[in-house]
Amino acid sequence: MADPNIIRINKIAGQVTGLKIMCENPDNYGTLNIITQISAVIGALKGLSLNLLSEHIDQVATDKINETAISDINLIVQRMVK
């Protein structure tokens, strides 16, 4: 099975490609739609970064702290970046 992060990156790459096309033809899409797509890409990148951070915390911290603490840390980080 493919790595979920790679699948997510491929989707983001598709969004960016679509955004590039929109920016090359702004009269066909309109500024509001382009800005909406930029926000979607930013949101997707934030989601990817949170997932990567969560995986990292799980990998490096599991031996040192309990699972409740890991969940708490992940929740705090998610709230901080919203």
N, C-alpha and C. Protein backbone atom coordinates (compact mmCIF):
# COMPACT_ATOMS: atom_id res chain seq x y z
N MET A 1 0.84 -1.19 0.00
CA MET A 1 0.00 0.00 0.00
C MET A 1 0.89 1.25 0.00
N ALA A 2 0.46 2.24 -0.73
CA ALA A 2 1.24 3.48 -0.85
C ALA A 2 1.21 4.27 0.46
N ASP A 3 2.26 5.00 0.69
CA ASP A 3 2.38 5.85 1.87
C ASP A 3 1.30 6.94 1.80
N PRO A 4 0.48 7.08 2.85
CA PRO A 4 -0.58 8.11 2.84
C PRO A 4 -0.04 9.52 2.63
N ASN A 5 1.16 9.78 3.14
CA ASN A 5 1.74 11.12 2.94
C ASN A 5 2.07 11.37 1.48
N ILE A 6 2.54 10.34 0.78
CA ILE A 6 2.84 10.49 -0.65
C ILE A 6 1.55 10.69 -1.43
N ILE A 7 0.52 9.97 -1.08
CA ILE A 7 -0.79 10.17 -1.72
C ILE A 7 -1.25 11.60 -1.52
N ARG A 8 -1.11 12.09 -0.30
CA ARG A 8 -1.51 13.47 0.02
C ARG A 8 -0.67 14.48 -0.77
N ILE A 9 0.63 14.25 -0.86
CA ILE A 9 1.50 15.14 -1.62
C ILE A 9 1.10 15.16 -3.09
N ASN A 10 0.77 14.00 -3.63
CA ASN A 10 0.34 13.95 -5.03
C ASN A 10 -0.94 14.74 -5.26
N LYS A 11 -1.85 14.68 -4.30
CA LYS A 11 -3.09 15.46 -4.41
C LYS A 11 -2.78 16.96 -4.35
N ILE A 12 -1.88 17.33 -3.45
CA ILE A 12 -1.49 18.74 -3.33
C ILE A 12 -0.82 19.20 -4.63
N ALA A 13 0.02 18.35 -5.20
CA ALA A 13 0.68 18.69 -6.46
C ALA A 13 -0.37 18.93 -7.55
N GLY A 14 -1.41 18.12 -7.56
CA GLY A 14 -2.50 18.33 -8.52
C GLY A 14 -3.21 19.66 -8.28
N GLN A 15 -3.43 19.99 -7.01
CA GLN A 15 -4.05 21.27 -6.69
C GLN A 15 -3.18 22.43 -7.16
N VAL A 16 -1.88 22.32 -6.95
CA VAL A 16 -0.96 23.39 -7.35
C VAL A 16 -0.92 23.51 -8.88
N THR A 17 -0.95 22.40 -9.57
CA THR A 17 -1.00 22.43 -11.03
C THR A 17 -2.26 23.14 -11.51
N GLY A 18 -3.39 22.81 -10.90
CA GLY A 18 -4.64 23.48 -11.23
C GLY A 18 -4.58 24.96 -10.92
N LEU A 19 -3.96 25.30 -9.82
CA LEU A 19 -3.81 26.70 -9.43
C LEU A 19 -2.95 27.46 -10.44
N LYS A 20 -1.91 26.82 -10.91
CA LYS A 20 -1.03 27.43 -11.93
C LYS A 20 -1.84 27.74 -13.19
N ILE A 21 -2.65 26.79 -13.60
CA ILE A 21 -3.49 26.99 -14.79
C ILE A 21 -4.44 28.16 -14.56
N MET A 22 -5.02 28.22 -13.38
CA MET A 22 -5.93 29.32 -13.06
C MET A 22 -5.21 30.67 -13.12
N CYS A 23 -3.99 30.71 -12.60
CA CYS A 23 -3.23 31.97 -12.59
C CYS A 23 -2.77 32.37 -13.99
N GLU A 24 -2.58 31.39 -14.84
CA GLU A 24 -2.21 31.69 -16.22
C GLU A 24 -3.38 32.24 -17.02
N ASN A 25 -4.59 31.96 -16.57
CA ASN A 25 -5.81 32.40 -17.25
C ASN A 25 -6.78 33.03 -16.25
N PRO A 26 -6.37 34.09 -15.57
CA PRO A 26 -7.20 34.63 -14.48
C PRO A 26 -8.57 35.12 -14.94
N ASP A 27 -8.68 35.57 -16.16
CA ASP A 27 -9.97 36.05 -16.65
C ASP A 27 -10.99 34.93 -16.75
N ASN A 28 -10.52 33.72 -16.91
CA ASN A 28 -11.43 32.56 -17.01
C ASN A 28 -11.91 32.07 -15.65
N TYR A 29 -11.19 32.41 -14.60
CA TYR A 29 -11.49 31.84 -13.29
C TYR A 29 -11.89 32.87 -12.25
N GLY A 30 -11.36 34.05 -12.32
CA GLY A 30 -11.69 35.08 -11.34
C GLY A 30 -10.81 35.03 -10.11
N THR A 31 -10.52 36.20 -9.61
CA THR A 31 -9.62 36.33 -8.46
C THR A 31 -10.14 35.58 -7.23
N LEU A 32 -11.42 35.68 -6.96
CA LEU A 32 -11.97 35.02 -5.77
C LEU A 32 -11.77 33.52 -5.83
N ASN A 33 -11.98 32.91 -6.98
CA ASN A 33 -11.78 31.47 -7.11
C ASN A 33 -10.30 31.09 -6.97
N ILE A 34 -9.43 31.93 -7.50
CA ILE A 34 -8.00 31.66 -7.37
C ILE A 34 -7.58 31.74 -5.91
N ILE A 35 -8.04 32.75 -5.21
CA ILE A 35 -7.70 32.90 -3.78
C ILE A 35 -8.27 31.74 -2.98
N THR A 36 -9.46 31.29 -3.33
CA THR A 36 -10.06 30.13 -2.66
C THR A 36 -9.19 28.90 -2.84
N GLN A 37 -8.67 28.71 -4.04
CA GLN A 37 -7.80 27.56 -4.30
C GLN A 37 -6.47 27.68 -3.57
N ILE A 38 -5.95 28.89 -3.47
CA ILE A 38 -4.72 29.10 -2.70
C ILE A 38 -4.96 28.70 -1.24
N SER A 39 -6.09 29.11 -0.69
CA SER A 39 -6.43 28.74 0.70
C SER A 39 -6.55 27.23 0.86
N ALA A 40 -7.10 26.57 -0.16
CA ALA A 40 -7.23 25.11 -0.11
C ALA A 40 -5.86 24.44 -0.11
N VAL A 41 -4.94 24.95 -0.92
CA VAL A 41 -3.59 24.40 -0.96
C VAL A 41 -2.89 24.61 0.38
N ILE A 42 -3.03 25.80 0.93
CA ILE A 42 -2.42 26.09 2.24
C ILE A 42 -2.98 25.14 3.29
N GLY A 43 -4.29 24.94 3.28
CA GLY A 43 -4.91 24.02 4.24
C GLY A 43 -4.41 22.60 4.07
N ALA A 44 -4.25 22.17 2.82
CA ALA A 44 -3.75 20.83 2.56
C ALA A 44 -2.31 20.68 3.04
N LEU A 45 -1.50 21.69 2.84
CA LEU A 45 -0.11 21.65 3.31
C LEU A 45 -0.05 21.64 4.84
N LYS A 46 -0.92 22.42 5.48
CA LYS A 46 -0.96 22.40 6.95
C LYS A 46 -1.34 21.01 7.45
N GLY A 47 -2.33 20.41 6.79
CA GLY A 47 -2.74 19.06 7.17
C GLY A 47 -1.61 18.06 7.03
N LEU A 48 -0.87 18.16 5.93
CA LEU A 48 0.27 17.28 5.71
C LEU A 48 1.32 17.50 6.79
N SER A 49 1.62 18.75 7.11
CA SER A 49 2.64 19.02 8.12
C SER A 49 2.22 18.50 9.48
N LEU A 50 0.93 18.64 9.82
CA LEU A 50 0.45 18.11 11.10
C LEU A 50 0.57 16.60 11.14
N ASN A 51 0.24 15.95 10.04
CA ASN A 51 0.34 14.50 9.98
C ASN A 51 1.79 14.05 10.13
N LEU A 52 2.69 14.72 9.44
CA LEU A 52 4.11 14.37 9.55
C LEU A 52 4.62 14.58 10.98
N LEU A 53 4.22 15.69 11.59
CA LEU A 53 4.63 15.96 12.96
C LEU A 53 4.08 14.92 13.92
N SER A 54 2.83 14.57 13.73
CA SER A 54 2.20 13.56 14.57
C SER A 54 2.92 12.22 14.46
N GLU A 55 3.26 11.84 13.23
CA GLU A 55 4.01 10.60 13.04
C GLU A 55 5.38 10.67 13.71
N HIS A 56 6.01 11.80 13.60
CA HIS A 56 7.33 11.97 14.22
C HIS A 56 7.23 11.85 15.74
N ILE A 57 6.25 12.52 16.31
CA ILE A 57 6.06 12.45 17.76
C ILE A 57 5.81 11.00 18.18
N ASP A 58 4.97 10.30 17.42
CA ASP A 58 4.70 8.90 17.74
C ASP A 58 5.97 8.06 17.69
N GLN A 59 6.82 8.32 16.71
CA GLN A 59 8.04 7.52 16.53
C GLN A 59 9.08 7.80 17.60
N VAL A 60 9.31 9.06 17.92
CA VAL A 60 10.42 9.38 18.82
C VAL A 60 10.01 9.44 20.28
N ALA A 61 8.76 9.65 20.56
CA ALA A 61 8.37 9.89 21.95
C ALA A 61 7.70 8.70 22.60
N THR A 62 7.29 7.72 21.85
CA THR A 62 6.53 6.60 22.41
C THR A 62 7.28 5.90 23.55
N ASP A 63 8.56 5.76 23.41
CA ASP A 63 9.32 5.07 24.44
C ASP A 63 9.49 5.90 25.70
N LYS A 64 9.34 7.20 25.60
CA LYS A 64 9.67 8.06 26.72
C LYS A 64 8.45 8.56 27.51
N ILE A 65 7.32 8.68 26.85
CA ILE A 65 6.11 9.16 27.53
C ILE A 65 4.93 8.27 27.15
N ASN A 66 3.86 8.36 27.91
CA ASN A 66 2.73 7.48 27.66
C ASN A 66 1.85 7.98 26.51
N GLU A 67 0.96 7.12 26.04
CA GLU A 67 0.12 7.44 24.88
C GLU A 67 -0.81 8.63 25.13
N THR A 68 -1.29 8.79 26.35
CA THR A 68 -2.15 9.93 26.67
C THR A 68 -1.40 11.23 26.45
N ALA A 69 -0.17 11.28 26.88
CA ALA A 69 0.64 12.48 26.69
C ALA A 69 0.86 12.76 25.21
N ILE A 70 1.09 11.72 24.43
CA ILE A 70 1.28 11.89 22.99
C ILE A 70 0.02 12.46 22.36
N SER A 71 -1.14 11.92 22.73
CA SER A 71 -2.41 12.43 22.21
C SER A 71 -2.61 13.89 22.59
N ASP A 72 -2.28 14.22 23.81
CA ASP A 72 -2.40 15.61 24.28
C ASP A 72 -1.50 16.54 23.48
N ILE A 73 -0.27 16.11 23.25
CA ILE A 73 0.67 16.93 22.47
C ILE A 73 0.13 17.14 21.05
N ASN A 74 -0.32 16.08 20.44
CA ASN A 74 -0.88 16.19 19.08
C ASN A 74 -2.06 17.14 19.03
N LEU A 75 -2.93 17.06 20.02
CA LEU A 75 -4.10 17.94 20.08
C LEU A 75 -3.70 19.40 20.26
N ILE A 76 -2.74 19.64 21.12
CA ILE A 76 -2.25 21.00 21.33
C ILE A 76 -1.67 21.60 20.06
N VAL A 77 -0.86 20.81 19.37
CA VAL A 77 -0.25 21.31 18.12
C VAL A 77 -1.33 21.60 17.08
N GLN A 78 -2.32 20.72 16.96
CA GLN A 78 -3.42 20.93 16.01
C GLN A 78 -4.16 22.24 16.32
N ARG A 79 -4.40 22.48 17.58
CA ARG A 79 -5.11 23.73 17.95
C ARG A 79 -4.25 24.95 17.70
N MET A 80 -2.95 24.82 17.87
CA MET A 80 -2.06 25.96 17.69
C MET A 80 -1.99 26.42 16.24
N VAL A 81 -2.08 25.49 15.31
CA VAL A 81 -1.88 25.86 13.90
C VAL A 81 -3.18 26.19 13.18
N LYS A 82 -4.30 26.11 13.85
CA LYS A 82 -5.58 26.45 13.22
C LYS A 82 -5.70 27.94 13.02
